[in-house]
Amino acid sequence: MAKRRIPEGIRRAMAQRGTDDRCVAQCVAEIQEAQSEVYVLVLAAYFGSSEEVQKVIRDQMSVVKSSEGGEREMALATIGEALFPTEPIDL
C-alpha cells in the first residue's frame, strides 16, 4: 500500500482516541477509494445524460455554489435526481 498523508486534524482526533497511524492511514485509503468510485459513477452518469439534462445540472451547480440553506439543498436534490432518476411510485 502506498504511503498516504494523514490530514493533521484526523491524526489529532485519532491520537486522542488511541488509534495508531497505520489504522488511520488504512481508513483514509478506504475513504479515498470510495470517493473515487463515487466520482466515476457521477461522471459517467453526467456524460451519459442528454445535453438538456447536462445544462440543468450545470445551472443547478451555480445555485449550489452561490446559495445556502433550502435553496442549496433543493439544487443538490435536483442534481441527484437528474443524474440518477428514480422511478415514480404509485401511492
N, C-alpha and C. Protein backbone atom coordinates (compact mmCIF):
# COMPACT_ATOMS: atom_id res chain seq x y z
N MET A 1 0.83 -1.17 0.00
CA MET A 1 0.00 0.00 0.00
C MET A 1 0.88 1.24 0.00
N ALA A 2 0.53 2.22 -0.82
CA ALA A 2 1.29 3.46 -0.90
C ALA A 2 1.13 4.25 0.39
N LYS A 3 2.17 4.94 0.77
CA LYS A 3 2.12 5.77 1.97
C LYS A 3 1.23 6.98 1.70
N ARG A 4 0.27 7.20 2.58
CA ARG A 4 -0.66 8.31 2.41
C ARG A 4 -0.46 9.33 3.53
N ARG A 5 -0.59 10.57 3.15
CA ARG A 5 -0.51 11.64 4.14
C ARG A 5 -1.82 11.71 4.89
N ILE A 6 -1.74 11.68 6.20
CA ILE A 6 -2.93 11.74 7.03
C ILE A 6 -3.14 13.20 7.43
N PRO A 7 -4.31 13.76 7.11
CA PRO A 7 -4.58 15.14 7.49
C PRO A 7 -4.38 15.34 9.00
N GLU A 8 -3.78 16.45 9.36
CA GLU A 8 -3.41 16.70 10.76
C GLU A 8 -4.61 16.65 11.71
N GLY A 9 -5.75 17.19 11.29
CA GLY A 9 -6.94 17.15 12.14
C GLY A 9 -7.38 15.72 12.45
N ILE A 10 -7.31 14.86 11.45
CA ILE A 10 -7.67 13.46 11.65
C ILE A 10 -6.65 12.79 12.56
N ARG A 11 -5.38 13.09 12.32
CA ARG A 11 -4.31 12.50 13.13
C ARG A 11 -4.51 12.85 14.62
N ARG A 12 -4.81 14.13 14.89
CA ARG A 12 -5.01 14.55 16.29
C ARG A 12 -6.22 13.87 16.91
N ALA A 13 -7.32 13.82 16.16
CA ALA A 13 -8.54 13.20 16.69
C ALA A 13 -8.32 11.72 16.98
N MET A 14 -7.64 11.05 16.08
CA MET A 14 -7.42 9.62 16.28
C MET A 14 -6.42 9.38 17.41
N ALA A 15 -5.43 10.26 17.57
CA ALA A 15 -4.46 10.13 18.66
C ALA A 15 -5.16 10.25 20.00
N GLN A 16 -6.15 11.13 20.07
CA GLN A 16 -6.91 11.29 21.31
C GLN A 16 -7.68 10.01 21.65
N ARG A 17 -8.02 9.26 20.62
CA ARG A 17 -8.75 8.01 20.83
C ARG A 17 -7.80 6.81 20.96
N GLY A 18 -6.50 7.06 20.83
CA GLY A 18 -5.52 5.99 20.96
C GLY A 18 -5.38 5.13 19.72
N THR A 19 -5.74 5.65 18.55
CA THR A 19 -5.63 4.90 17.31
C THR A 19 -4.30 5.22 16.65
N ASP A 20 -3.61 4.18 16.18
CA ASP A 20 -2.29 4.42 15.60
C ASP A 20 -2.39 4.88 14.14
N ASP A 21 -1.28 5.42 13.63
CA ASP A 21 -1.23 5.98 12.27
C ASP A 21 -1.56 4.94 11.20
N ARG A 22 -1.14 3.70 11.41
CA ARG A 22 -1.39 2.66 10.41
C ARG A 22 -2.89 2.44 10.22
N CYS A 23 -3.62 2.43 11.32
CA CYS A 23 -5.07 2.27 11.26
C CYS A 23 -5.71 3.47 10.58
N VAL A 24 -5.25 4.66 10.94
CA VAL A 24 -5.79 5.88 10.34
C VAL A 24 -5.50 5.90 8.84
N ALA A 25 -4.28 5.52 8.46
CA ALA A 25 -3.91 5.51 7.05
C ALA A 25 -4.79 4.55 6.27
N GLN A 26 -5.10 3.41 6.84
CA GLN A 26 -5.99 2.44 6.19
C GLN A 26 -7.38 3.04 6.01
N CYS A 27 -7.88 3.70 7.04
CA CYS A 27 -9.21 4.33 6.95
C CYS A 27 -9.23 5.42 5.88
N VAL A 28 -8.20 6.24 5.86
CA VAL A 28 -8.10 7.30 4.86
C VAL A 28 -8.06 6.70 3.46
N ALA A 29 -7.29 5.63 3.28
CA ALA A 29 -7.19 4.97 1.96
C ALA A 29 -8.54 4.44 1.53
N GLU A 30 -9.29 3.84 2.45
CA GLU A 30 -10.60 3.30 2.11
C GLU A 30 -11.58 4.41 1.75
N ILE A 31 -11.52 5.52 2.46
CA ILE A 31 -12.39 6.66 2.16
C ILE A 31 -12.05 7.22 0.78
N GLN A 32 -10.76 7.38 0.50
CA GLN A 32 -10.35 7.91 -0.80
C GLN A 32 -10.76 6.98 -1.94
N GLU A 33 -10.67 5.69 -1.73
CA GLU A 33 -11.09 4.74 -2.76
C GLU A 33 -12.59 4.84 -3.00
N ALA A 34 -13.36 4.95 -1.92
CA ALA A 34 -14.81 5.09 -2.06
C ALA A 34 -15.16 6.39 -2.78
N GLN A 35 -14.46 7.47 -2.45
CA GLN A 35 -14.69 8.74 -3.12
C GLN A 35 -14.41 8.63 -4.62
N SER A 36 -13.36 7.93 -4.96
CA SER A 36 -13.01 7.75 -6.38
C SER A 36 -14.09 6.98 -7.11
N GLU A 37 -14.63 5.96 -6.47
CA GLU A 37 -15.69 5.17 -7.09
C GLU A 37 -16.94 6.02 -7.31
N VAL A 38 -17.29 6.83 -6.33
CA VAL A 38 -18.45 7.71 -6.46
C VAL A 38 -18.22 8.71 -7.59
N TYR A 39 -17.02 9.27 -7.64
CA TYR A 39 -16.68 10.24 -8.69
C TYR A 39 -16.87 9.63 -10.07
N VAL A 40 -16.39 8.41 -10.26
CA VAL A 40 -16.52 7.73 -11.55
C VAL A 40 -17.99 7.52 -11.90
N LEU A 41 -18.80 7.10 -10.93
CA LEU A 41 -20.23 6.88 -11.19
C LEU A 41 -20.94 8.17 -11.56
N VAL A 42 -20.63 9.25 -10.85
CA VAL A 42 -21.26 10.54 -11.13
C VAL A 42 -20.83 11.06 -12.49
N LEU A 43 -19.55 10.97 -12.78
CA LEU A 43 -19.04 11.44 -14.07
C LEU A 43 -19.66 10.65 -15.22
N ALA A 44 -19.75 9.34 -15.06
CA ALA A 44 -20.36 8.50 -16.10
C ALA A 44 -21.84 8.86 -16.29
N ALA A 45 -22.54 9.10 -15.18
CA ALA A 45 -23.96 9.48 -15.29
C ALA A 45 -24.11 10.82 -15.99
N TYR A 46 -23.23 11.77 -15.67
CA TYR A 46 -23.30 13.08 -16.29
C TYR A 46 -23.07 12.98 -17.80
N PHE A 47 -21.98 12.33 -18.21
CA PHE A 47 -21.68 12.24 -19.64
C PHE A 47 -22.64 11.31 -20.38
N GLY A 48 -23.35 10.48 -19.65
CA GLY A 48 -24.34 9.61 -20.27
C GLY A 48 -25.71 10.26 -20.41
N SER A 49 -25.84 11.48 -19.88
CA SER A 49 -27.13 12.16 -19.96
C SER A 49 -27.17 13.08 -21.18
N SER A 50 -28.37 13.51 -21.51
CA SER A 50 -28.55 14.38 -22.68
C SER A 50 -27.98 15.76 -22.41
N GLU A 51 -27.81 16.53 -23.50
CA GLU A 51 -27.33 17.91 -23.37
C GLU A 51 -28.27 18.73 -22.49
N GLU A 52 -29.56 18.49 -22.65
CA GLU A 52 -30.55 19.23 -21.86
C GLU A 52 -30.37 18.95 -20.36
N VAL A 53 -30.20 17.70 -20.02
CA VAL A 53 -30.00 17.33 -18.61
C VAL A 53 -28.68 17.89 -18.11
N GLN A 54 -27.63 17.84 -18.92
CA GLN A 54 -26.35 18.40 -18.52
C GLN A 54 -26.47 19.90 -18.24
N LYS A 55 -27.28 20.60 -19.04
CA LYS A 55 -27.48 22.03 -18.81
C LYS A 55 -28.19 22.27 -17.47
N VAL A 56 -29.20 21.47 -17.18
CA VAL A 56 -29.90 21.59 -15.89
C VAL A 56 -28.90 21.39 -14.75
N ILE A 57 -28.04 20.39 -14.88
CA ILE A 57 -27.06 20.11 -13.84
C ILE A 57 -26.10 21.29 -13.68
N ARG A 58 -25.61 21.82 -14.78
CA ARG A 58 -24.70 22.98 -14.71
C ARG A 58 -25.38 24.18 -14.06
N ASP A 59 -26.63 24.42 -14.43
CA ASP A 59 -27.38 25.54 -13.84
C ASP A 59 -27.53 25.35 -12.33
N GLN A 60 -27.85 24.14 -11.93
CA GLN A 60 -28.04 23.86 -10.50
C GLN A 60 -26.71 23.92 -9.74
N MET A 61 -25.61 23.59 -10.41
CA MET A 61 -24.30 23.71 -9.77
C MET A 61 -24.02 25.17 -9.40
N SER A 62 -24.45 26.09 -10.25
CA SER A 62 -24.28 27.52 -9.95
C SER A 62 -25.06 27.89 -8.70
N VAL A 63 -26.26 27.34 -8.56
CA VAL A 63 -27.08 27.61 -7.37
C VAL A 63 -26.38 27.04 -6.13
N VAL A 64 -25.85 25.83 -6.24
CA VAL A 64 -25.16 25.21 -5.10
C VAL A 64 -23.99 26.07 -4.65
N LYS A 65 -23.23 26.59 -5.61
CA LYS A 65 -22.05 27.38 -5.28
C LYS A 65 -22.39 28.73 -4.65
N SER A 66 -23.55 29.28 -4.99
CA SER A 66 -23.87 30.64 -4.56
C SER A 66 -24.97 30.73 -3.50
N SER A 67 -25.50 29.61 -3.07
CA SER A 67 -26.64 29.65 -2.16
C SER A 67 -26.36 28.89 -0.87
N GLU A 68 -27.25 29.09 0.09
CA GLU A 68 -27.19 28.37 1.35
C GLU A 68 -28.59 27.89 1.70
N GLY A 69 -28.66 27.00 2.67
CA GLY A 69 -29.94 26.57 3.21
C GLY A 69 -30.79 25.78 2.23
N GLY A 70 -32.08 26.09 2.24
CA GLY A 70 -33.06 25.33 1.47
C GLY A 70 -32.85 25.37 -0.03
N GLU A 71 -32.46 26.54 -0.53
CA GLU A 71 -32.24 26.65 -1.98
C GLU A 71 -31.09 25.75 -2.42
N ARG A 72 -30.02 25.74 -1.63
CA ARG A 72 -28.86 24.88 -1.94
C ARG A 72 -29.26 23.41 -1.86
N GLU A 73 -30.00 23.04 -0.84
CA GLU A 73 -30.44 21.64 -0.69
C GLU A 73 -31.32 21.20 -1.86
N MET A 74 -32.21 22.09 -2.30
CA MET A 74 -33.07 21.76 -3.44
C MET A 74 -32.25 21.58 -4.71
N ALA A 75 -31.24 22.43 -4.91
CA ALA A 75 -30.38 22.31 -6.09
C ALA A 75 -29.62 20.99 -6.05
N LEU A 76 -29.11 20.61 -4.88
CA LEU A 76 -28.42 19.33 -4.76
C LEU A 76 -29.35 18.16 -5.05
N ALA A 77 -30.58 18.25 -4.57
CA ALA A 77 -31.56 17.19 -4.84
C ALA A 77 -31.88 17.12 -6.32
N THR A 78 -31.98 18.26 -6.97
CA THR A 78 -32.25 18.30 -8.41
C THR A 78 -31.10 17.65 -9.19
N ILE A 79 -29.88 17.97 -8.80
CA ILE A 79 -28.71 17.36 -9.46
C ILE A 79 -28.74 15.85 -9.28
N GLY A 80 -29.00 15.41 -8.06
CA GLY A 80 -29.06 13.97 -7.79
C GLY A 80 -30.12 13.27 -8.62
N GLU A 81 -31.28 13.89 -8.72
CA GLU A 81 -32.37 13.29 -9.50
C GLU A 81 -32.05 13.31 -10.99
N ALA A 82 -31.38 14.37 -11.44
CA ALA A 82 -31.01 14.44 -12.86
C ALA A 82 -29.99 13.36 -13.22
N LEU A 83 -29.04 13.13 -12.32
CA LEU A 83 -28.01 12.13 -12.58
C LEU A 83 -28.52 10.70 -12.40
N PHE A 84 -29.33 10.50 -11.37
CA PHE A 84 -29.82 9.16 -11.03
C PHE A 84 -31.32 9.21 -10.82
N PRO A 85 -32.10 9.29 -11.93
CA PRO A 85 -33.54 9.43 -11.79
C PRO A 85 -34.17 8.23 -11.10
N THR A 86 -35.15 8.52 -10.27
CA THR A 86 -35.88 7.44 -9.58
C THR A 86 -37.15 7.15 -10.34
N GLU A 87 -37.61 5.94 -10.15
CA GLU A 87 -38.86 5.54 -10.78
C GLU A 87 -40.03 6.16 -10.01
N PRO A 88 -41.05 6.62 -10.73
CA PRO A 88 -42.22 7.15 -9.99
C PRO A 88 -42.90 6.03 -9.21
N ILE A 89 -43.46 6.41 -8.07
CA ILE A 89 -44.13 5.44 -7.21
C ILE A 89 -45.60 5.76 -7.18
N ASP A 90 -46.46 4.77 -7.47
CA ASP A 90 -47.90 4.95 -7.35
C ASP A 90 -48.29 4.76 -5.90
N LEU A 91 -48.95 5.77 -5.35
CA LEU A 91 -49.38 5.67 -3.95
C LEU A 91 -50.82 5.29 -3.85
